[in-house]
Amino acid sequence: MATTALFAWCTFFAVVAPRRPRPLATLSFWFGLGLNEVPFVGIYVLVASTALAAAQGDLDSAEAKVTVAVAAVATVGLALSAWRGLRTDQVVVRALEQGLGTGWRVRVRVPLRRRRPWARILLLPAPMRRRDVRRIANISYGDAGRRNLLDVYRRRDAPQNAPVLIYFHGGGYTGGAKNREARPLLYRLAGQGWVCVSANYRLRPQTTFPGHQIDAKKVIAWVREHAPEYGGDPSGLFVAGSSAGSNLAALCALTANDPVFQPGFESADTSVTAAICLYGYYGHYFGDPPTEPPPPLQPQGYIHSGAPPFLVAHGTKDALATVESARNFVDQLCRASDSTVVYAELPGGQHAFDVFHSPRFEAVVDGVEAFAAWVLATAQHTPDPTR
C-alpha cells in the first residue's frame, strides 16, 4: 500500500503536471520529474510490488483490492507518460525539417545514430560514465575558486581538430553544479569525437548580473585559448545550457565581443558558432527589482539580425520556466535573426528533462547532434565575403 500510494502520488504530478499556482507547480517538478522521464521504472516497481503481494496471498481484503486498482490506474498514467516521451523523436525530426529544410540530411556528412540505446533507457537510465571518454575535472579558468572551475570531456584517443561544446548548468543562479545535468549529451558528443566543456560560474548572492555572464564569457575566452591543448578546434564552438544556463548560453550567443560583459579581457574573441537552449528561462533577470525604465528582458532584449543559429528545446509541461516564454523568445528570434532557428516543443516535457537517459532526452541529443552537424557543414560551404 505504501509503495502504491507513493508512486500514484508521483504519477499524478508526472502526468497532470499542474503549472499554476506556483506551490503546486513546484510540487509538480519535484515529485513528477523522475517518473515523467523514466516511467518504465515506475511500471516495474508497481508490477513487482503487486506480484509480490499476490504471491504472498495479500490481495483478498477490500483494502488490497483498492490498492491494486490504484496501482493499475497509476500504471496507465505511466504508460501515457512513456508514450509522450516516445513521441519526442517525431517532434524533433519535424523541428529539424522545419528549421533546416527537408533536405538537411544531404548536408550532414557525419554518421548519425539510427537507434537509441534501449537497454540503457529501459534498464540503466541514470547517467553513467563511458569508458571511451575521459573527464578532466576542476580546471581553473578564473579567480573565484570552485565557482570558476570547469571540466573537459574528450575521447580517450584524443582526436584532433574537434568541434567544441561549452555547457552551463541550471539552478536559478543560486545553485547547481557542472556535473549534474546534460551528462548524456556531454558523453555522447565526447564519444563522437567532440571536446565538451562543462563549467561552474558564480552564483547569487556572491554576484549578480552581469557577474554570471562575465564568467560565461571567461569560459569562452579560456576555450579559445586552450581548446587546442585538448584536441578542440574553437572555430567550431557551440554554447549550450539548461534553465538559467540556457539564459547564459543565449546571452553569450547574442552579445559576442561586447565589452560590457568582458571587463579586463575586452580583446578576447567570445563569438560562438551556434547556441543550444534546453528548457531555458526567458525574462527579467532572476530577482531583479522593478525599475523605471525596466531592464531589458534576457535574452530577448539582446536579439539582433546577426545572431548565430539557435536550437531551442522546451517541454509543454515545464512547471518552472513556461513554454509560453520559450515560444515568445523563438518568435522574436525568428523575426529578427538572419540565421537558422530550430524549435522543438516536447510533448509532456518537464523542467530538467536532461537528467536521465530517457526516450525524450535521447531524442533531443540526436537532434542536437544533427543540428550541430548541419551548422558545421553549412559553415564549411558558405563562402567568406571578405575574400
Protein backbone atom coordinates (compact mmCIF):
# COMPACT_ATOMS: atom_id res chain seq x y z
CA MET A 1 0.00 0.00 0.00
CA ALA A 2 2.80 2.43 0.86
CA THR A 3 4.63 1.73 -2.39
CA THR A 4 1.49 2.13 -4.47
CA ALA A 5 0.47 5.32 -2.68
CA LEU A 6 3.89 6.90 -3.20
CA PHE A 7 4.09 6.01 -6.88
CA ALA A 8 0.49 7.04 -7.52
CA TRP A 9 1.22 10.42 -5.93
CA CYS A 10 4.28 10.93 -8.13
CA THR A 11 2.46 9.65 -11.21
CA PHE A 12 -0.26 12.27 -10.74
CA PHE A 13 2.32 15.07 -10.84
CA ALA A 14 4.13 13.44 -13.75
CA VAL A 15 1.04 13.10 -15.93
CA VAL A 16 -1.05 16.12 -14.95
CA ALA A 17 1.94 18.39 -14.17
CA PRO A 18 -0.06 21.41 -12.93
CA ARG A 19 1.76 24.68 -13.63
CA ARG A 20 -0.39 27.01 -11.52
CA PRO A 21 -0.44 28.09 -8.73
CA ARG A 22 3.28 28.31 -8.05
CA PRO A 23 3.38 25.99 -4.98
CA LEU A 24 1.58 23.30 -6.97
CA ALA A 25 3.98 23.80 -9.88
CA THR A 26 6.91 23.29 -7.51
CA LEU A 27 5.36 20.06 -6.25
CA SER A 28 4.83 19.03 -9.87
CA PHE A 29 8.52 19.46 -10.58
CA TRP A 30 9.94 17.73 -7.52
CA PHE A 31 7.53 14.80 -7.40
CA GLY A 32 6.82 14.35 -11.09
CA LEU A 33 10.21 14.76 -12.79
CA GLY A 34 11.62 11.29 -12.18
CA LEU A 35 8.62 9.24 -13.30
CA ASN A 36 7.89 11.63 -16.15
CA GLU A 37 11.31 10.92 -17.67
CA VAL A 38 11.73 7.26 -16.70
CA PRO A 39 8.17 5.93 -16.34
CA PHE A 40 9.35 2.40 -17.09
CA VAL A 41 10.97 2.27 -13.64
CA GLY A 42 7.65 3.12 -12.02
CA ILE A 43 5.88 0.43 -14.03
CA TYR A 44 8.49 -2.14 -12.98
CA VAL A 45 8.05 -1.25 -9.30
CA LEU A 46 4.25 -1.29 -9.36
CA VAL A 47 4.08 -4.60 -11.23
CA ALA A 48 6.70 -6.19 -8.96
CA SER A 49 5.01 -4.92 -5.80
CA THR A 50 1.61 -6.21 -6.90
CA ALA A 51 3.05 -9.56 -7.99
CA LEU A 52 4.80 -9.95 -4.64
CA ALA A 53 1.58 -9.22 -2.76
CA ALA A 54 -0.25 -11.76 -4.92
CA ALA A 55 2.41 -14.40 -4.29
CA GLN A 56 2.07 -13.84 -0.55
CA GLY A 57 -1.73 -14.09 -0.68
CA ASP A 58 -2.25 -10.50 0.40
CA LEU A 59 -4.84 -9.45 -2.21
CA ASP A 60 -8.01 -10.80 -0.61
CA SER A 61 -9.00 -7.86 1.56
CA ALA A 62 -11.01 -4.87 0.32
CA GLU A 63 -8.10 -2.55 1.06
CA ALA A 64 -5.79 -4.69 -1.05
CA LYS A 65 -8.22 -4.69 -3.98
CA VAL A 66 -8.45 -0.90 -3.82
CA THR A 67 -4.65 -0.74 -3.76
CA VAL A 68 -4.47 -2.95 -6.86
CA ALA A 69 -6.96 -0.68 -8.62
CA VAL A 70 -4.90 2.39 -7.74
CA ALA A 71 -1.75 0.63 -8.99
CA ALA A 72 -3.50 -0.18 -12.27
CA VAL A 73 -4.58 3.43 -12.77
CA ALA A 74 -1.06 4.63 -11.96
CA THR A 75 0.38 2.16 -14.46
CA VAL A 76 -1.91 3.53 -17.16
CA GLY A 77 -0.74 7.03 -16.29
CA LEU A 78 2.88 5.96 -16.52
CA ALA A 79 2.19 4.34 -19.88
CA LEU A 80 0.76 7.68 -21.06
CA SER A 81 3.90 9.44 -19.82
CA ALA A 82 6.05 6.91 -21.67
CA TRP A 83 4.04 7.46 -24.87
CA ARG A 84 4.64 11.21 -24.63
CA GLY A 85 8.36 10.60 -24.28
CA LEU A 86 8.43 8.26 -27.27
CA ARG A 87 6.68 10.89 -29.42
CA THR A 88 9.64 13.24 -28.92
CA ASP A 89 11.54 11.50 -31.71
CA GLN A 90 8.94 12.55 -34.29
CA VAL A 91 8.70 16.05 -32.82
CA VAL A 92 12.46 16.60 -33.06
CA VAL A 93 12.57 15.35 -36.67
CA ARG A 94 9.75 17.73 -37.64
CA ALA A 95 11.51 20.61 -35.88
CA LEU A 96 14.72 19.90 -37.80
CA GLU A 97 12.86 19.74 -41.10
CA GLN A 98 11.05 22.99 -40.38
CA GLY A 99 14.18 24.81 -39.22
CA LEU A 100 16.83 23.32 -41.53
CA GLY A 101 14.73 22.34 -44.52
CA THR A 102 13.54 18.96 -45.73
CA GLY A 103 16.90 18.23 -47.39
CA TRP A 104 19.00 18.86 -44.30
CA ARG A 105 20.31 15.27 -44.21
CA VAL A 106 22.11 15.80 -47.53
CA ARG A 107 24.47 18.32 -45.95
CA VAL A 108 25.24 16.25 -42.86
CA ARG A 109 28.29 14.14 -43.54
CA VAL A 110 28.82 12.60 -40.09
CA PRO A 111 27.04 9.32 -39.28
CA LEU A 112 24.08 9.98 -37.01
CA ARG A 113 22.71 7.46 -34.54
CA ARG A 114 19.98 5.32 -36.09
CA ARG A 115 18.88 3.51 -32.95
CA ARG A 116 18.51 4.70 -29.41
CA PRO A 117 20.30 2.87 -26.58
CA TRP A 118 17.19 0.99 -25.45
CA ALA A 119 19.00 -1.25 -22.96
CA ARG A 120 20.28 1.81 -21.14
CA ILE A 121 16.92 3.63 -21.38
CA LEU A 122 14.93 0.70 -20.03
CA LEU A 123 17.39 -0.71 -17.50
CA LEU A 124 20.06 1.88 -16.62
CA PRO A 125 18.56 5.36 -17.17
CA ALA A 126 20.77 7.09 -14.62
CA PRO A 127 23.78 8.88 -16.14
CA MET A 128 26.90 6.74 -16.20
CA ARG A 129 30.44 7.38 -17.37
CA ARG A 130 31.61 5.99 -20.69
CA ARG A 131 34.84 4.05 -20.81
CA ASP A 132 35.88 5.69 -24.07
CA VAL A 133 35.51 9.21 -22.65
CA ARG A 134 37.86 10.86 -20.19
CA ARG A 135 36.67 13.63 -17.88
CA ILE A 136 39.42 16.04 -16.88
CA ALA A 137 37.94 17.72 -13.81
CA ASN A 138 38.30 21.00 -11.96
CA ILE A 139 40.39 23.12 -14.30
CA SER A 140 40.53 26.76 -13.19
CA TYR A 141 39.52 29.47 -15.65
CA GLY A 142 39.19 32.40 -13.22
CA ASP A 143 39.91 33.65 -9.72
CA ALA A 144 36.59 32.78 -8.00
CA GLY A 145 37.68 29.43 -6.57
CA ARG A 146 35.43 26.44 -7.16
CA ARG A 147 32.84 28.63 -8.89
CA ASN A 148 35.41 29.24 -11.63
CA LEU A 149 36.21 25.61 -12.35
CA LEU A 150 35.39 23.63 -15.48
CA ASP A 151 35.53 20.02 -16.64
CA VAL A 152 36.73 18.86 -20.05
CA TYR A 153 35.25 15.74 -21.66
CA ARG A 154 37.11 14.19 -24.57
CA ARG A 155 37.52 10.79 -26.14
CA ARG A 156 40.46 8.84 -24.77
CA ASP A 157 42.15 8.58 -28.15
CA ALA A 158 42.08 12.42 -28.25
CA PRO A 159 41.11 13.14 -31.88
CA GLN A 160 42.37 16.49 -33.12
CA ASN A 161 40.55 19.48 -34.64
CA ALA A 162 37.32 18.51 -32.91
CA PRO A 163 34.35 20.85 -32.56
CA VAL A 164 33.78 22.20 -29.05
CA LEU A 165 30.64 22.41 -26.90
CA ILE A 166 30.52 24.63 -23.80
CA TYR A 167 27.72 23.79 -21.36
CA PHE A 168 26.33 25.86 -18.46
CA HIS A 169 24.25 24.24 -15.72
CA GLY A 170 20.92 25.47 -14.35
CA GLY A 171 19.86 26.38 -10.84
CA GLY A 172 18.28 29.83 -10.95
CA TYR A 173 21.68 31.45 -10.39
CA THR A 174 21.50 30.26 -6.77
CA GLY A 175 22.56 26.62 -7.09
CA GLY A 176 23.65 23.88 -9.44
CA ALA A 177 26.95 22.40 -10.48
CA LYS A 178 28.83 21.49 -13.63
CA ASN A 179 28.49 17.71 -13.23
CA ARG A 180 24.74 17.27 -12.79
CA GLU A 181 22.63 17.98 -15.87
CA ALA A 182 23.01 17.10 -19.55
CA ARG A 183 25.62 14.41 -18.95
CA PRO A 184 24.04 12.10 -21.57
CA LEU A 185 24.64 14.90 -24.09
CA LEU A 186 28.20 15.62 -22.96
CA TYR A 187 29.23 11.97 -23.01
CA ARG A 188 27.50 11.32 -26.33
CA LEU A 189 29.23 14.18 -28.14
CA ALA A 190 32.57 13.47 -26.49
CA GLY A 191 32.24 9.84 -27.58
CA GLN A 192 31.70 11.10 -31.14
CA GLY A 193 34.98 12.99 -31.03
CA TRP A 194 33.90 16.37 -29.69
CA VAL A 195 35.61 18.28 -26.90
CA CYS A 196 32.97 19.20 -24.32
CA VAL A 197 33.41 21.72 -21.51
CA SER A 198 31.03 21.99 -18.55
CA ALA A 199 31.63 24.99 -16.30
CA ASN A 200 30.64 26.38 -12.93
CA TYR A 201 30.04 30.10 -12.57
CA ARG A 202 29.48 32.48 -9.67
CA LEU A 203 26.02 32.41 -8.10
CA ARG A 204 23.83 34.72 -6.07
CA PRO A 205 24.50 36.26 -3.55
CA GLN A 206 28.21 36.06 -4.38
CA THR A 207 27.49 38.04 -7.54
CA THR A 208 24.60 39.43 -9.52
CA PHE A 209 24.04 40.36 -13.15
CA PRO A 210 26.26 40.69 -15.13
CA GLY A 211 28.68 38.67 -12.97
CA HIS A 212 27.36 35.31 -14.16
CA GLN A 213 27.59 36.49 -17.75
CA ILE A 214 31.15 37.71 -17.29
CA ASP A 215 32.12 34.26 -16.01
CA ALA A 216 30.48 32.63 -19.02
CA LYS A 217 32.47 34.90 -21.32
CA LYS A 218 35.64 33.95 -19.44
CA VAL A 219 34.90 30.30 -20.20
CA ILE A 220 34.59 31.08 -23.90
CA ALA A 221 37.85 33.06 -23.81
CA TRP A 222 39.53 30.14 -22.00
CA VAL A 223 38.30 27.70 -24.63
CA ARG A 224 39.53 29.95 -27.43
CA GLU A 225 42.98 29.85 -25.89
CA HIS A 226 43.23 26.32 -24.51
CA ALA A 227 40.93 24.07 -26.58
CA PRO A 228 43.74 23.01 -28.96
CA GLU A 229 45.59 21.54 -25.98
CA TYR A 230 42.73 19.03 -25.65
CA GLY A 231 42.21 18.44 -29.36
CA GLY A 232 39.49 21.05 -29.82
CA ASP A 233 39.13 23.45 -32.73
CA PRO A 234 37.49 26.66 -31.44
CA SER A 235 36.47 27.66 -34.95
CA GLY A 236 33.51 25.34 -34.36
CA LEU A 237 32.39 26.48 -30.90
CA PHE A 238 28.87 25.77 -29.66
CA VAL A 239 27.44 27.09 -26.41
CA ALA A 240 24.63 25.30 -24.57
CA GLY A 241 22.83 25.42 -21.26
CA SER A 242 19.84 24.33 -19.21
CA SER A 243 17.37 26.62 -17.40
CA ALA A 244 19.44 29.55 -16.08
CA GLY A 245 22.38 28.10 -18.01
CA SER A 246 20.27 28.33 -21.15
CA ASN A 247 19.75 32.01 -20.40
CA LEU A 248 23.54 32.35 -20.10
CA ALA A 249 24.16 30.47 -23.34
CA ALA A 250 21.66 32.57 -25.27
CA LEU A 251 23.14 35.80 -23.93
CA CYS A 252 26.62 34.63 -24.87
CA ALA A 253 25.46 33.95 -28.41
CA LEU A 254 23.74 37.33 -28.69
CA THR A 255 26.47 39.51 -27.12
CA ALA A 256 29.61 38.34 -28.91
CA ASN A 257 32.64 40.52 -28.08
CA ASP A 258 30.51 43.01 -26.12
CA PRO A 259 32.98 44.84 -23.82
CA VAL A 260 30.26 45.33 -21.19
CA PHE A 261 30.48 41.60 -20.45
CA GLN A 262 34.27 41.34 -20.86
CA PRO A 263 35.87 43.71 -18.35
CA GLY A 264 39.62 43.20 -18.41
CA PHE A 265 39.55 40.88 -21.41
CA GLU A 266 37.81 43.07 -23.96
CA SER A 267 40.07 41.91 -26.79
CA ALA A 268 39.15 38.23 -26.36
CA ASP A 269 37.03 36.67 -29.09
CA THR A 270 33.82 35.47 -27.43
CA SER A 271 31.81 34.77 -30.58
CA VAL A 272 30.20 31.35 -30.94
CA THR A 273 29.13 29.22 -33.88
CA ALA A 274 25.65 28.38 -32.55
CA ALA A 275 23.61 28.12 -29.36
CA ILE A 276 21.60 25.25 -27.85
CA CYS A 277 18.98 26.18 -25.24
CA LEU A 278 17.32 23.49 -23.11
CA TYR A 279 14.23 24.39 -21.02
CA GLY A 280 15.52 27.93 -20.71
CA TYR A 281 14.35 30.82 -18.58
CA TYR A 282 13.44 33.85 -20.73
CA GLY A 283 12.54 37.04 -18.93
CA HIS A 284 13.80 39.60 -16.45
CA TYR A 285 16.92 38.72 -14.51
CA PHE A 286 16.22 36.43 -11.53
CA GLY A 287 15.39 38.55 -8.51
CA ASP A 288 15.59 41.85 -10.41
CA PRO A 289 13.59 44.51 -8.54
CA PRO A 290 11.21 46.54 -10.71
CA THR A 291 12.82 49.72 -12.01
CA GLU A 292 11.80 52.55 -14.27
CA PRO A 293 12.54 52.06 -17.09
CA PRO A 294 12.61 48.26 -16.68
CA PRO A 295 15.82 46.45 -17.60
CA PRO A 296 15.87 44.59 -20.91
CA LEU A 297 14.46 41.09 -20.97
CA GLN A 298 17.06 38.35 -21.06
CA PRO A 299 17.87 37.25 -23.64
CA GLN A 300 15.07 38.82 -25.73
CA GLY A 301 16.41 42.33 -25.21
CA TYR A 302 19.65 41.43 -26.98
CA ILE A 303 18.27 39.79 -30.12
CA HIS A 304 19.64 41.16 -33.39
CA SER A 305 19.84 40.19 -37.05
CA GLY A 306 23.39 38.87 -36.76
CA ALA A 307 22.56 36.23 -34.15
CA PRO A 308 24.09 32.80 -34.77
CA PRO A 309 21.93 29.69 -35.36
CA PHE A 310 19.83 28.56 -32.39
CA LEU A 311 18.30 25.26 -31.32
CA VAL A 312 15.68 25.66 -28.59
CA ALA A 313 14.02 22.69 -26.86
CA HIS A 314 11.29 23.17 -24.27
CA GLY A 315 8.71 20.92 -22.64
CA THR A 316 4.97 21.61 -22.76
CA LYS A 317 4.62 20.64 -19.08
CA ASP A 318 7.52 22.72 -17.74
CA ALA A 319 6.47 23.84 -14.27
CA LEU A 320 9.33 26.26 -13.58
CA ALA A 321 10.01 28.01 -16.92
CA THR A 322 6.88 28.39 -19.01
CA VAL A 323 6.63 27.08 -22.53
CA GLU A 324 4.85 30.31 -23.46
CA SER A 325 8.01 32.30 -22.72
CA ALA A 326 10.03 29.91 -24.88
CA ARG A 327 7.57 30.37 -27.75
CA ASN A 328 7.81 34.14 -27.37
CA PHE A 329 11.61 34.07 -27.43
CA VAL A 330 11.68 31.85 -30.51
CA ASP A 331 9.11 34.02 -32.27
CA GLN A 332 11.18 37.17 -31.67
CA LEU A 333 14.35 35.37 -32.71
CA CYS A 334 12.79 34.10 -35.94
CA ARG A 335 11.54 37.55 -36.87
CA ALA A 336 14.85 39.34 -36.19
CA SER A 337 17.65 36.86 -36.91
CA ASP A 338 19.06 36.10 -40.34
CA SER A 339 20.27 32.69 -39.12
CA THR A 340 18.56 29.34 -38.69
CA VAL A 341 16.29 28.76 -35.69
CA VAL A 342 15.12 25.25 -34.74
CA TYR A 343 12.42 24.96 -32.10
CA ALA A 344 11.36 21.59 -30.66
CA GLU A 345 8.40 21.72 -28.29
CA LEU A 346 8.47 18.44 -26.39
CA PRO A 347 5.09 16.89 -25.53
CA GLY A 348 4.84 16.27 -21.79
CA GLY A 349 8.38 17.52 -21.18
CA GLN A 350 9.08 18.78 -17.65
CA HIS A 351 11.85 21.07 -16.41
CA ALA A 352 15.23 19.29 -16.12
CA PHE A 353 14.39 16.69 -18.77
CA ASP A 354 18.14 16.28 -19.44
CA VAL A 355 18.97 14.44 -16.21
CA PHE A 356 18.27 10.87 -17.36
CA HIS A 357 18.86 8.66 -20.39
CA SER A 358 15.15 8.91 -21.16
CA PRO A 359 13.46 8.45 -24.55
CA ARG A 360 12.75 12.18 -24.52
CA PHE A 361 16.27 13.39 -23.87
CA GLU A 362 17.91 10.78 -26.09
CA ALA A 363 15.76 12.12 -28.94
CA VAL A 364 16.87 15.66 -28.05
CA VAL A 365 20.52 14.50 -28.00
CA ASP A 366 20.03 13.12 -31.51
CA GLY A 367 18.53 16.44 -32.56
CA VAL A 368 21.43 18.42 -31.09
CA GLU A 369 23.93 16.20 -32.90
CA ALA A 370 22.07 16.63 -36.21
CA PHE A 371 21.71 20.39 -35.75
CA ALA A 372 25.40 20.81 -34.91
CA ALA A 373 26.48 18.66 -37.85
CA TRP A 374 24.30 20.73 -40.19
CA VAL A 375 25.68 24.02 -38.84
CA LEU A 376 29.28 22.84 -39.24
CA ALA A 377 28.64 21.50 -42.74
CA THR A 378 26.87 24.71 -43.77
CA ALA A 379 29.70 26.86 -42.40
CA GLN A 380 32.22 24.87 -44.44
CA HIS A 381 30.26 25.53 -47.65
CA THR A 382 29.49 29.21 -47.01
CA PRO A 383 31.84 31.48 -48.96
CA ASP A 384 33.79 34.07 -46.96
CA PRO A 385 32.51 37.53 -48.06
CA THR A 386 35.87 39.13 -47.21
CA ARG A 387 37.66 37.09 -49.88
